[in-house]
Amino acid sequence: CPTYMECQNSPLRITYYYLSFQSNIVIPAQIFRIGPAPAYSGDNVIVTITQGNEENYFSTRKLNAYTGAVFLQRQVQDPRDFLITVEMKLWRQGKFTTFQARIYVFITANLL
């Protein structure tokens, strides 16, 4: 990294997930969980969606001090694809570490 701050603010790990659901999924639906492994006493996480949620189909919730979740909060009527970026900031022993998940969500037609 050209500067120390640029390195310090970069994610420690970036992962990719592919999820597929039918358009009739019951809302709200928990579709993804994120947390450190292993988790330690004193850990605290902040989970946010940083990209791909311009129409507010998704939301995040903190489940406990070390686990956050992403929810589909609005019904998707027609088949549609989303790419959302979820960021988890882990507060551990006095410093933040950032993790990022890129989630591809595919909503398919209701086959019933």
PDB file of N, CA and C in Angstrom:
ATOM      1  N   CYS A   1       0.833  -1.187   0.000  1.00  0.00           N
ATOM      2  CA  CYS A   1       0.000   0.000   0.000  1.00  0.00           C
ATOM      3  C   CYS A   1       0.879   1.252   0.000  1.00  0.00           C
ATOM      4  N   PRO A   2       0.465   2.265  -0.738  1.00  0.00           N
ATOM      5  CA  PRO A   2       1.253   3.504  -0.776  1.00  0.00           C
ATOM      6  C   PRO A   2       1.298   4.213   0.576  1.00  0.00           C
ATOM      7  N   THR A   3       0.209   4.127   1.366  1.00  0.00           N
ATOM      8  CA  THR A   3       0.201   4.803   2.657  1.00  0.00           C
ATOM      9  C   THR A   3      -0.260   3.827   3.741  1.00  0.00           C
ATOM     10  N   TYR A   4       0.185   4.103   4.945  1.00  0.00           N
ATOM     11  CA  TYR A   4      -0.189   3.257   6.084  1.00  0.00           C
ATOM     12  C   TYR A   4      -1.701   3.236   6.298  1.00  0.00           C
ATOM     13  N   MET A   5      -2.361   4.397   6.217  1.00  0.00           N
ATOM     14  CA  MET A   5      -3.806   4.463   6.452  1.00  0.00           C
ATOM     15  C   MET A   5      -4.582   3.670   5.403  1.00  0.00           C
ATOM     16  N   GLU A   6      -4.097   3.671   4.166  1.00  0.00           N
ATOM     17  CA  GLU A   6      -4.769   2.902   3.116  1.00  0.00           C
ATOM     18  C   GLU A   6      -4.742   1.416   3.460  1.00  0.00           C
ATOM     19  N   CYS A   7      -3.612   0.929   3.936  1.00  0.00           N
ATOM     20  CA  CYS A   7      -3.507  -0.474   4.336  1.00  0.00           C
ATOM     21  C   CYS A   7      -4.369  -0.764   5.559  1.00  0.00           C
ATOM     22  N   GLN A   8      -4.352   0.138   6.516  1.00  0.00           N
ATOM     23  CA  GLN A   8      -5.086  -0.069   7.749  1.00  0.00           C
ATOM     24  C   GLN A   8      -6.593  -0.120   7.501  1.00  0.00           C
ATOM     25  N   ASN A   9      -7.091   0.608   6.527  1.00  0.00           N
ATOM     26  CA  ASN A   9      -8.524   0.644   6.245  1.00  0.00           C
ATOM     27  C   ASN A   9      -8.974  -0.399   5.229  1.00  0.00           C
ATOM     28  N   SER A  10      -8.072  -1.180   4.685  1.00  0.00           N
ATOM     29  CA  SER A  10      -8.425  -2.218   3.715  1.00  0.00           C
ATOM     30  C   SER A  10      -8.981  -3.446   4.437  1.00  0.00           C
ATOM     31  N   PRO A  11      -9.904  -4.174   3.802  1.00  0.00           N
ATOM     32  CA  PRO A  11     -10.418  -5.397   4.423  1.00  0.00           C
ATOM     33  C   PRO A  11      -9.316  -6.425   4.620  1.00  0.00           C
ATOM     34  N   LEU A  12      -9.385  -7.153   5.717  1.00  0.00           N
ATOM     35  CA  LEU A  12      -8.446  -8.229   5.978  1.00  0.00           C
ATOM     36  C   LEU A  12      -8.740  -9.415   5.060  1.00  0.00           C
ATOM     37  N   ARG A  13     -10.039  -9.638   4.803  1.00  0.00           N
ATOM     38  CA  ARG A  13     -10.440 -10.768   3.969  1.00  0.00           C
ATOM     39  C   ARG A  13     -11.680 -10.370   3.180  1.00  0.00           C
ATOM     40  N   ILE A  14     -11.746 -10.794   1.918  1.00  0.00           N
ATOM     41  CA  ILE A  14     -12.925 -10.598   1.073  1.00  0.00           C
ATOM     42  C   ILE A  14     -13.385 -11.981   0.631  1.00  0.00           C
ATOM     43  N   THR A  15     -14.671 -12.288   0.846  1.00  0.00           N
ATOM     44  CA  THR A  15     -15.217 -13.575   0.429  1.00  0.00           C
ATOM     45  C   THR A  15     -16.397 -13.346  -0.505  1.00  0.00           C
ATOM     46  N   TYR A  16     -16.727 -14.367  -1.297  1.00  0.00           N
ATOM     47  CA  TYR A  16     -17.825 -14.293  -2.261  1.00  0.00           C
ATOM     48  C   TYR A  16     -18.813 -15.416  -1.982  1.00  0.00           C
ATOM     49  N   TYR A  17     -20.118 -15.088  -2.029  1.00  0.00           N
ATOM     50  CA  TYR A  17     -21.176 -16.064  -1.795  1.00  0.00           C
ATOM     51  C   TYR A  17     -22.223 -15.934  -2.891  1.00  0.00           C
ATOM     52  N   TYR A  18     -22.807 -17.072  -3.282  1.00  0.00           N
ATOM     53  CA  TYR A  18     -23.854 -17.109  -4.303  1.00  0.00           C
ATOM     54  C   TYR A  18     -25.096 -17.731  -3.666  1.00  0.00           C
ATOM     55  N   LEU A  19     -26.199 -16.974  -3.634  1.00  0.00           N
ATOM     56  CA  LEU A  19     -27.433 -17.440  -3.006  1.00  0.00           C
ATOM     57  C   LEU A  19     -28.579 -17.352  -3.997  1.00  0.00           C
ATOM     58  N   SER A  20     -29.461 -18.349  -3.975  1.00  0.00           N
ATOM     59  CA  SER A  20     -30.596 -18.373  -4.886  1.00  0.00           C
ATOM     60  C   SER A  20     -31.875 -18.627  -4.089  1.00  0.00           C
ATOM     61  N   PHE A  21     -32.925 -17.826  -4.366  1.00  0.00           N
ATOM     62  CA  PHE A  21     -34.212 -17.948  -3.687  1.00  0.00           C
ATOM     63  C   PHE A  21     -35.326 -17.807  -4.710  1.00  0.00           C
ATOM     64  N   GLN A  22     -36.513 -18.375  -4.394  1.00  0.00           N
ATOM     65  CA  GLN A  22     -37.678 -18.178  -5.248  1.00  0.00           C
ATOM     66  C   GLN A  22     -38.346 -16.859  -4.889  1.00  0.00           C
ATOM     67  N   SER A  23     -39.061 -16.284  -5.837  1.00  0.00           N
ATOM     68  CA  SER A  23     -39.679 -14.973  -5.641  1.00  0.00           C
ATOM     69  C   SER A  23     -40.749 -14.965  -4.548  1.00  0.00           C
ATOM     70  N   ASN A  24     -41.236 -16.133  -4.116  1.00  0.00           N
ATOM     71  CA  ASN A  24     -42.269 -16.182  -3.074  1.00  0.00           C
ATOM     72  C   ASN A  24     -41.680 -16.387  -1.675  1.00  0.00           C
ATOM     73  N   ILE A  25     -40.417 -16.098  -1.466  1.00  0.00           N
ATOM     74  CA  ILE A  25     -39.769 -16.264  -0.171  1.00  0.00           C
ATOM     75  C   ILE A  25     -40.498 -15.435   0.889  1.00  0.00           C
ATOM     76  N   VAL A  26     -40.669 -16.004   2.074  1.00  0.00           N
ATOM     77  CA  VAL A  26     -41.371 -15.331   3.166  1.00  0.00           C
ATOM     78  C   VAL A  26     -40.482 -14.213   3.722  1.00  0.00           C
ATOM     79  N   ILE A  27     -41.071 -13.044   3.871  1.00  0.00           N
ATOM     80  CA  ILE A  27     -40.358 -11.844   4.312  1.00  0.00           C
ATOM     81  C   ILE A  27     -40.714 -11.546   5.763  1.00  0.00           C
ATOM     82  N   PRO A  28     -39.801 -11.094   6.610  1.00  0.00           N
ATOM     83  CA  PRO A  28     -38.368 -10.938   6.364  1.00  0.00           C
ATOM     84  C   PRO A  28     -37.675 -12.297   6.374  1.00  0.00           C
ATOM     85  N   ALA A  29     -36.649 -12.434   5.558  1.00  0.00           N
ATOM     86  CA  ALA A  29     -35.919 -13.691   5.455  1.00  0.00           C
ATOM     87  C   ALA A  29     -34.444 -13.440   5.744  1.00  0.00           C
ATOM     88  N   GLN A  30     -33.937 -14.146   6.737  1.00  0.00           N
ATOM     89  CA  GLN A  30     -32.504 -14.064   7.001  1.00  0.00           C
ATOM     90  C   GLN A  30     -31.796 -14.855   5.919  1.00  0.00           C
ATOM     91  N   ILE A  31     -30.910 -14.193   5.179  1.00  0.00           N
ATOM     92  CA  ILE A  31     -30.257 -14.867   4.054  1.00  0.00           C
ATOM     93  C   ILE A  31     -28.763 -15.073   4.258  1.00  0.00           C
ATOM     94  N   PHE A  32     -28.174 -14.403   5.266  1.00  0.00           N
ATOM     95  CA  PHE A  32     -26.725 -14.481   5.421  1.00  0.00           C
ATOM     96  C   PHE A  32     -26.348 -14.077   6.837  1.00  0.00           C
ATOM     97  N   ARG A  33     -25.384 -14.806   7.424  1.00  0.00           N
ATOM     98  CA  ARG A  33     -24.840 -14.434   8.734  1.00  0.00           C
ATOM     99  C   ARG A  33     -23.340 -14.248   8.602  1.00  0.00           C
ATOM    100  N   ILE A  34     -22.802 -13.318   9.386  1.00  0.00           N
ATOM    101  CA  ILE A  34     -21.373 -13.057   9.355  1.00  0.00           C
ATOM    102  C   ILE A  34     -20.892 -12.800  10.774  1.00  0.00           C
ATOM    103  N   GLY A  35     -19.718 -13.322  11.078  1.00  0.00           N
ATOM    104  CA  GLY A  35     -19.104 -13.131  12.385  1.00  0.00           C
ATOM    105  C   GLY A  35     -17.699 -13.696  12.375  1.00  0.00           C
ATOM    106  N   PRO A  36     -16.893 -13.333  13.355  1.00  0.00           N
ATOM    107  CA  PRO A  36     -15.522 -13.843  13.394  1.00  0.00           C
ATOM    108  C   PRO A  36     -15.489 -15.296  13.854  1.00  0.00           C
ATOM    109  N   ALA A  37     -14.476 -16.011  13.404  1.00  0.00           N
ATOM    110  CA  ALA A  37     -14.275 -17.385  13.857  1.00  0.00           C
ATOM    111  C   ALA A  37     -12.785 -17.564  14.135  1.00  0.00           C
ATOM    112  N   PRO A  38     -12.427 -17.815  15.343  1.00  0.00           N
ATOM    113  CA  PRO A  38     -13.284 -17.946  16.519  1.00  0.00           C
ATOM    114  C   PRO A  38     -13.680 -16.580  17.068  1.00  0.00           C
ATOM    115  N   ALA A  39     -14.751 -16.563  17.847  1.00  0.00           N
ATOM    116  CA  ALA A  39     -15.188 -15.345  18.532  1.00  0.00           C
ATOM    117  C   ALA A  39     -14.654 -15.393  19.958  1.00  0.00           C
ATOM    118  N   TYR A  40     -14.321 -14.228  20.474  1.00  0.00           N
ATOM    119  CA  TYR A  40     -13.781 -14.127  21.831  1.00  0.00           C
ATOM    120  C   TYR A  40     -14.635 -13.186  22.666  1.00  0.00           C
ATOM    121  N   SER A  41     -14.610 -13.396  23.967  1.00  0.00           N
ATOM    122  CA  SER A  41     -15.297 -12.499  24.883  1.00  0.00           C
ATOM    123  C   SER A  41     -14.747 -11.086  24.681  1.00  0.00           C
ATOM    124  N   GLY A  42     -15.639 -10.122  24.581  1.00  0.00           N
ATOM    125  CA  GLY A  42     -15.216  -8.746  24.345  1.00  0.00           C
ATOM    126  C   GLY A  42     -15.284  -8.332  22.889  1.00  0.00           C
ATOM    127  N   ASP A  43     -15.459  -9.294  21.975  1.00  0.00           N
ATOM    128  CA  ASP A  43     -15.619  -8.954  20.556  1.00  0.00           C
ATOM    129  C   ASP A  43     -16.895  -8.145  20.371  1.00  0.00           C
ATOM    130  N   ASN A  44     -16.880  -7.280  19.376  1.00  0.00           N
ATOM    131  CA  ASN A  44     -18.066  -6.520  19.021  1.00  0.00           C
ATOM    132  C   ASN A  44     -18.008  -6.276  17.520  1.00  0.00           C
ATOM    133  N   VAL A  45     -19.116  -6.467  16.821  1.00  0.00           N
ATOM    134  CA  VAL A  45     -19.137  -6.275  15.374  1.00  0.00           C
ATOM    135  C   VAL A  45     -20.151  -5.205  14.986  1.00  0.00           C
ATOM    136  N   ILE A  46     -19.840  -4.547  13.882  1.00  0.00           N
ATOM    137  CA  ILE A  46     -20.758  -3.622  13.217  1.00  0.00           C
ATOM    138  C   ILE A  46     -20.894  -4.130  11.790  1.00  0.00           C
ATOM    139  N   VAL A  47     -22.118  -4.426  11.365  1.00  0.00           N
ATOM    140  CA  VAL A  47     -22.360  -4.977  10.033  1.00  0.00           C
ATOM    141  C   VAL A  47     -23.194  -3.976   9.238  1.00  0.00           C
ATOM    142  N   THR A  48     -22.709  -3.630   8.039  1.00  0.00           N
ATOM    143  CA  THR A  48     -23.417  -2.693   7.175  1.00  0.00           C
ATOM    144  C   THR A  48     -23.384  -3.187   5.736  1.00  0.00           C
ATOM    145  N   ILE A  49     -24.369  -2.755   4.966  1.00  0.00           N
ATOM    146  CA  ILE A  49     -24.369  -2.991   3.523  1.00  0.00           C
ATOM    147  C   ILE A  49     -23.804  -1.727   2.897  1.00  0.00           C
ATOM    148  N   THR A  50     -22.684  -1.868   2.188  1.00  0.00           N
ATOM    149  CA  THR A  50     -22.008  -0.693   1.641  1.00  0.00           C
ATOM    150  C   THR A  50     -22.294  -0.463   0.168  1.00  0.00           C
ATOM    151  N   GLN A  51     -22.765  -1.489  -0.547  1.00  0.00           N
ATOM    152  CA  GLN A  51     -23.090  -1.343  -1.973  1.00  0.00           C
ATOM    153  C   GLN A  51     -24.189  -2.317  -2.353  1.00  0.00           C
ATOM    154  N   GLY A  52     -24.977  -1.927  -3.361  1.00  0.00           N
ATOM    155  CA  GLY A  52     -25.944  -2.832  -3.965  1.00  0.00           C
ATOM    156  C   GLY A  52     -27.323  -2.842  -3.339  1.00  0.00           C
ATOM    157  N   ASN A  53     -27.594  -1.919  -2.428  1.00  0.00           N
ATOM    158  CA  ASN A  53     -28.891  -1.905  -1.760  1.00  0.00           C
ATOM    159  C   ASN A  53     -29.613  -0.581  -1.982  1.00  0.00           C
ATOM    160  N   GLU A  54     -29.470  -0.031  -3.167  1.00  0.00           N
ATOM    161  CA  GLU A  54     -30.044   1.283  -3.460  1.00  0.00           C
ATOM    162  C   GLU A  54     -31.575   1.299  -3.353  1.00  0.00           C
ATOM    163  N   GLU A  55     -32.211   0.169  -3.585  1.00  0.00           N
ATOM    164  CA  GLU A  55     -33.679   0.108  -3.510  1.00  0.00           C
ATOM    165  C   GLU A  55     -34.170  -0.441  -2.173  1.00  0.00           C
ATOM    166  N   ASN A  56     -33.266  -0.615  -1.220  1.00  0.00           N
ATOM    167  CA  ASN A  56     -33.596  -1.038   0.149  1.00  0.00           C
ATOM    168  C   ASN A  56     -34.349  -2.369   0.231  1.00  0.00           C
ATOM    169  N   TYR A  57     -33.936  -3.330  -0.564  1.00  0.00           N
ATOM    170  CA  TYR A  57     -34.504  -4.673  -0.433  1.00  0.00           C
ATOM    171  C   TYR A  57     -33.911  -5.408   0.764  1.00  0.00           C
ATOM    172  N   PHE A  58     -32.725  -4.997   1.195  1.00  0.00           N
ATOM    173  CA  PHE A  58     -31.983  -5.720   2.226  1.00  0.00           C
ATOM    174  C   PHE A  58     -31.758  -4.845   3.449  1.00  0.00           C
ATOM    175  N   SER A  59     -31.551  -5.491   4.599  1.00  0.00           N
ATOM    176  CA  SER A  59     -31.203  -4.776   5.821  1.00  0.00           C
ATOM    177  C   SER A  59     -30.234  -5.644   6.615  1.00  0.00           C
ATOM    178  N   THR A  60     -29.576  -5.037   7.600  1.00  0.00           N
ATOM    179  CA  THR A  60     -28.698  -5.793   8.499  1.00  0.00           C
ATOM    180  C   THR A  60     -29.230  -5.673   9.910  1.00  0.00           C
ATOM    181  N   ARG A  61     -28.950  -6.694  10.699  1.00  0.00           N
ATOM    182  CA  ARG A  61     -29.302  -6.698  12.119  1.00  0.00           C
ATOM    183  C   ARG A  61     -28.171  -7.348  12.888  1.00  0.00           C
ATOM    184  N   LYS A  62     -27.946  -6.850  14.066  1.00  0.00           N
ATOM    185  CA  LYS A  62     -26.968  -7.451  14.959  1.00  0.00           C
ATOM    186  C   LYS A  62     -27.680  -8.530  15.758  1.00  0.00           C
ATOM    187  N   LEU A  63     -27.197  -9.768  15.695  1.00  0.00           N
ATOM    188  CA  LEU A  63     -27.825 -10.872  16.411  1.00  0.00           C
ATOM    189  C   LEU A  63     -27.287 -10.989  17.832  1.00  0.00           C
ATOM    190  N   ASN A  64     -26.007 -10.692  18.008  1.00  0.00           N
ATOM    191  CA  ASN A  64     -25.365 -10.632  19.320  1.00  0.00           C
ATOM    192  C   ASN A  64     -24.068  -9.848  19.149  1.00  0.00           C
ATOM    193  N   ALA A  65     -23.214  -9.821  20.155  1.00  0.00           N
ATOM    194  CA  ALA A  65     -22.015  -8.977  20.098  1.00  0.00           C
ATOM    195  C   ALA A  65     -21.069  -9.360  18.963  1.00  0.00           C
ATOM    196  N   TYR A  66     -21.118 -10.602  18.512  1.00  0.00           N
ATOM    197  CA  TYR A  66     -20.148 -11.061  17.519  1.00  0.00           C
ATOM    198  C   TYR A  66     -20.780 -11.652  16.253  1.00  0.00           C
ATOM    199  N   THR A  67     -22.069 -11.451  16.042  1.00  0.00           N
ATOM    200  CA  THR A  67     -22.716 -11.971  14.837  1.00  0.00           C
ATOM    201  C   THR A  67     -23.717 -10.958  14.296  1.00  0.00           C
ATOM    202  N   GLY A  68     -23.643 -10.722  12.990  1.00  0.00           N
ATOM    203  CA  GLY A  68     -24.626  -9.897  12.300  1.00  0.00           C
ATOM    204  C   GLY A  68     -25.279 -10.713  11.199  1.00  0.00           C
ATOM    205  N   ALA A  69     -26.412 -10.229  10.715  1.00  0.00           N
ATOM    206  CA  ALA A  69     -27.136 -10.955   9.674  1.00  0.00           C
ATOM    207  C   ALA A  69     -27.660  -9.979   8.632  1.00  0.00           C
ATOM    208  N   VAL A  70     -27.832 -10.514   7.421  1.00  0.00           N
ATOM    209  CA  VAL A  70     -28.454  -9.768   6.330  1.00  0.00           C
ATOM    210  C   VAL A  70     -29.823 -10.382   6.096  1.00  0.00           C
ATOM    211  N   PHE A  71     -30.819  -9.509   5.967  1.00  0.00           N
ATOM    212  CA  PHE A  71     -32.198  -9.940   5.746  1.00  0.00           C
ATOM    213  C   PHE A  71     -32.708  -9.381   4.430  1.00  0.00           C
ATOM    214  N   LEU A  72     -33.503 -10.181   3.725  1.00  0.00           N
ATOM    215  CA  LEU A  72     -34.314  -9.679   2.623  1.00  0.00           C
ATOM    216  C   LEU A  72     -35.556  -9.125   3.291  1.00  0.00           C
ATOM    217  N   GLN A  73     -35.791  -7.826   3.177  1.00  0.00           N
ATOM    218  CA  GLN A  73     -36.868  -7.189   3.935  1.00  0.00           C
ATOM    219  C   GLN A  73     -38.059  -6.776   3.099  1.00  0.00           C
ATOM    220  N   ARG A  74     -37.928  -6.837   1.772  1.00  0.00           N
ATOM    221  CA  ARG A  74     -39.048  -6.511   0.877  1.00  0.00           C
ATOM    222  C   ARG A  74     -39.228  -7.640  -0.116  1.00  0.00           C
ATOM    223  N   GLN A  75     -40.469  -7.930  -0.441  1.00  0.00           N
ATOM    224  CA  GLN A  75     -40.769  -8.974  -1.420  1.00  0.00           C
ATOM    225  C   GLN A  75     -40.257  -8.554  -2.795  1.00  0.00           C
ATOM    226  N   VAL A  76     -39.592  -9.475  -3.472  1.00  0.00           N
ATOM    227  CA  VAL A  76     -39.152  -9.260  -4.848  1.00  0.00           C
ATOM    228  C   VAL A  76     -40.158  -9.984  -5.730  1.00  0.00           C
ATOM    229  N   GLN A  77     -40.887  -9.235  -6.546  1.00  0.00           N
ATOM    230  CA  GLN A  77     -42.012  -9.791  -7.302  1.00  0.00           C
ATOM    231  C   GLN A  77     -41.580 -10.622  -8.503  1.00  0.00           C
ATOM    232  N   ASP A  78     -40.531 -10.203  -9.186  1.00  0.00           N
ATOM    233  CA  ASP A  78     -40.101 -10.860 -10.422  1.00  0.00           C
ATOM    234  C   ASP A  78     -38.670 -11.356 -10.277  1.00  0.00           C
ATOM    235  N   PRO A  79     -38.272 -12.290 -11.133  1.00  0.00           N
ATOM    236  CA  PRO A  79     -36.878 -12.735 -11.091  1.00  0.00           C
ATOM    237  C   PRO A  79     -35.931 -11.538 -11.217  1.00  0.00           C
ATOM    238  N   ARG A  80     -34.882 -11.582 -10.410  1.00  0.00           N
ATOM    239  CA  ARG A  80     -33.960 -10.446 -10.374  1.00  0.00           C
ATOM    240  C   ARG A  80     -32.651 -10.871  -9.733  1.00  0.00           C
ATOM    241  N   ASP A  81     -31.567 -10.235 -10.136  1.00  0.00           N
ATOM    242  CA  ASP A  81     -30.251 -10.517  -9.571  1.00  0.00           C
ATOM    243  C   ASP A  81     -29.741  -9.300  -8.815  1.00  0.00           C
ATOM    244  N   PHE A  82     -29.048  -9.552  -7.704  1.00  0.00           N
ATOM    245  CA  PHE A  82     -28.456  -8.496  -6.891  1.00  0.00           C
ATOM    246  C   PHE A  82     -27.007  -8.853  -6.598  1.00  0.00           C
ATOM    247  N   LEU A  83     -26.177  -7.862  -6.467  1.00  0.00           N
ATOM    248  CA  LEU A  83     -24.820  -8.017  -5.951  1.00  0.00           C
ATOM    249  C   LEU A  83     -24.692  -7.011  -4.821  1.00  0.00           C
ATOM    250  N   ILE A  84     -24.613  -7.510  -3.585  1.00  0.00           N
ATOM    251  CA  ILE A  84     -24.490  -6.606  -2.449  1.00  0.00           C
ATOM    252  C   ILE A  84     -23.145  -6.828  -1.759  1.00  0.00           C
ATOM    253  N   THR A  85     -22.609  -5.765  -1.227  1.00  0.00           N
ATOM    254  CA  THR A  85     -21.355  -5.814  -0.486  1.00  0.00           C
ATOM    255  C   THR A  85     -21.675  -5.565   0.985  1.00  0.00           C
ATOM    256  N   VAL A  86     -21.304  -6.525   1.810  1.00  0.00           N
ATOM    257  CA  VAL A  86     -21.549  -6.448   3.247  1.00  0.00           C
ATOM    258  C   VAL A  86     -20.198  -6.305   3.944  1.00  0.00           C
ATOM    259  N   GLU A  87     -20.125  -5.338   4.837  1.00  0.00           N
ATOM    260  CA  GLU A  87     -18.883  -5.092   5.558  1.00  0.00           C
ATOM    261  C   GLU A  87     -19.103  -5.374   7.037  1.00  0.00           C
ATOM    262  N   MET A  88     -18.168  -6.113   7.612  1.00  0.00           N
ATOM    263  CA  MET A  88     -18.181  -6.351   9.051  1.00  0.00           C
ATOM    264  C   MET A  88     -16.935  -5.715   9.635  1.00  0.00           C
ATOM    265  N   LYS A  89     -17.130  -4.818  10.571  1.00  0.00           N
ATOM    266  CA  LYS A  89     -16.020  -4.251  11.321  1.00  0.00           C
ATOM    267  C   LYS A  89     -16.001  -4.941  12.675  1.00  0.00           C
ATOM    268  N   LEU A  90     -14.892  -5.585  12.975  1.00  0.00           N
ATOM    269  CA  LEU A  90     -14.719  -6.319  14.227  1.00  0.00           C
ATOM    270  C   LEU A  90     -13.874  -5.486  15.180  1.00  0.00           C
ATOM    271  N   TRP A  91     -14.435  -5.168  16.335  1.00  0.00           N
ATOM    272  CA  TRP A  91     -13.697  -4.483  17.398  1.00  0.00           C
ATOM    273  C   TRP A  91     -13.164  -5.553  18.336  1.00  0.00           C
ATOM    274  N   ARG A  92     -11.846  -5.694  18.374  1.00  0.00           N
ATOM    275  CA  ARG A  92     -11.216  -6.710  19.213  1.00  0.00           C
ATOM    276  C   ARG A  92      -9.944  -6.129  19.806  1.00  0.00           C
ATOM    277  N   GLN A  93      -9.843  -6.192  21.100  1.00  0.00           N
ATOM    278  CA  GLN A  93      -8.654  -5.747  21.837  1.00  0.00           C
ATOM    279  C   GLN A  93      -8.213  -4.343  21.436  1.00  0.00           C
ATOM    280  N   GLY A  94      -9.188  -3.436  21.331  1.00  0.00           N
ATOM    281  CA  GLY A  94      -8.873  -2.035  21.121  1.00  0.00           C
ATOM    282  C   GLY A  94      -8.638  -1.596  19.693  1.00  0.00           C
ATOM    283  N   LYS A  95      -8.904  -2.480  18.721  1.00  0.00           N
ATOM    284  CA  LYS A  95      -8.745  -2.037  17.329  1.00  0.00           C
ATOM    285  C   LYS A  95      -9.785  -2.691  16.433  1.00  0.00           C
ATOM    286  N   PHE A  96     -10.085  -1.999  15.314  1.00  0.00           N
ATOM    287  CA  PHE A  96     -11.027  -2.503  14.322  1.00  0.00           C
ATOM    288  C   PHE A  96     -10.286  -3.275  13.237  1.00  0.00           C
ATOM    289  N   THR A  97     -10.883  -4.381  12.799  1.00  0.00           N
ATOM    290  CA  THR A  97     -10.444  -5.116  11.622  1.00  0.00           C
ATOM    291  C   THR A  97     -11.666  -5.228  10.717  1.00  0.00           C
ATOM    292  N   THR A  98     -11.474  -5.010   9.417  1.00  0.00           N
ATOM    293  CA  THR A  98     -12.579  -5.007   8.472  1.00  0.00           C
ATOM    294  C   THR A  98     -12.581  -6.282   7.629  1.00  0.00           C
ATOM    295  N   PHE A  99     -13.771  -6.852   7.463  1.00  0.00           N
ATOM    296  CA  PHE A  99     -13.991  -8.008   6.596  1.00  0.00           C
ATOM    297  C   PHE A  99     -15.094  -7.633   5.616  1.00  0.00           C
ATOM    298  N   GLN A 100     -15.036  -8.180   4.418  1.00  0.00           N
ATOM    299  CA  GLN A 100     -16.024  -7.826   3.402  1.00  0.00           C
ATOM    300  C   GLN A 100     -16.532  -9.091   2.729  1.00  0.00           C
ATOM    301  N   ALA A 101     -17.847  -9.169   2.535  1.00  0.00           N
ATOM    302  CA  ALA A 101     -18.466 -10.272   1.801  1.00  0.00           C
ATOM    303  C   ALA A 101     -19.204  -9.679   0.610  1.00  0.00           C
ATOM    304  N   ARG A 102     -18.963 -10.239  -0.557  1.00  0.00           N
ATOM    305  CA  ARG A 102     -19.713  -9.864  -1.761  1.00  0.00           C
ATOM    306  C   ARG A 102     -20.707 -10.984  -1.994  1.00  0.00           C
ATOM    307  N   ILE A 103     -21.982 -10.630  -1.986  1.00  0.00           N
ATOM    308  CA  ILE A 103     -23.045 -11.633  -2.043  1.00  0.00           C
ATOM    309  C   ILE A 103     -23.851 -11.455  -3.322  1.00  0.00           C
ATOM    310  N   TYR A 104     -23.874 -12.490  -4.131  1.00  0.00           N
ATOM    311  CA  TYR A 104     -24.702 -12.515  -5.333  1.00  0.00           C
ATOM    312  C   TYR A 104     -26.017 -13.187  -4.947  1.00  0.00           C
ATOM    313  N   VAL A 105     -27.122 -12.466  -5.084  1.00  0.00           N
ATOM    314  CA  VAL A 105     -28.442 -12.994  -4.747  1.00  0.00           C
ATOM    315  C   VAL A 105     -29.242 -13.104  -6.037  1.00  0.00           C
ATOM    316  N   PHE A 106     -29.718 -14.316  -6.312  1.00  0.00           N
ATOM    317  CA  PHE A 106     -30.512 -14.570  -7.504  1.00  0.00           C
ATOM    318  C   PHE A 106     -31.931 -14.915  -7.064  1.00  0.00           C
ATOM    319  N   ILE A 107     -32.878 -14.094  -7.465  1.00  0.00           N
ATOM    320  CA  ILE A 107     -34.288 -14.364  -7.185  1.00  0.00           C
ATOM    321  C   ILE A 107     -34.866 -14.988  -8.456  1.00  0.00           C
ATOM    322  N   THR A 108     -35.347 -16.238  -8.322  1.00  0.00           N
ATOM    323  CA  THR A 108     -35.880 -16.953  -9.480  1.00  0.00           C
ATOM    324  C   THR A 108     -37.398 -16.934  -9.457  1.00  0.00           C
ATOM    325  N   ALA A 109     -37.990 -17.301 -10.550  1.00  0.00           N
ATOM    326  CA  ALA A 109     -39.458 -17.337 -10.650  1.00  0.00           C
ATOM    327  C   ALA A 109     -40.038 -18.368  -9.711  1.00  0.00           C
ATOM    328  N   ASN A 110     -41.228 -18.088  -9.205  1.00  0.00           N
ATOM    329  CA  ASN A 110     -41.954 -19.046  -8.369  1.00  0.00           C
ATOM    330  C   ASN A 110     -42.408 -20.183  -9.265  1.00  0.00           C
ATOM    331  N   LEU A 111     -41.960 -21.396  -8.962  1.00  0.00           N
ATOM    332  CA  LEU A 111     -42.227 -22.541  -9.842  1.00  0.00           C
ATOM    333  C   LEU A 111     -43.546 -23.236  -9.540  1.00  0.00           C
ATOM    334  N   LEU A 112     -44.300 -22.790  -8.543  1.00  0.00           N
ATOM    335  CA  LEU A 112     -45.564 -23.458  -8.187  1.00  0.00           C
ATOM    336  C   LEU A 112     -46.697 -23.013  -9.068  1.00  0.00           C
TER     337      LEU A 112
END
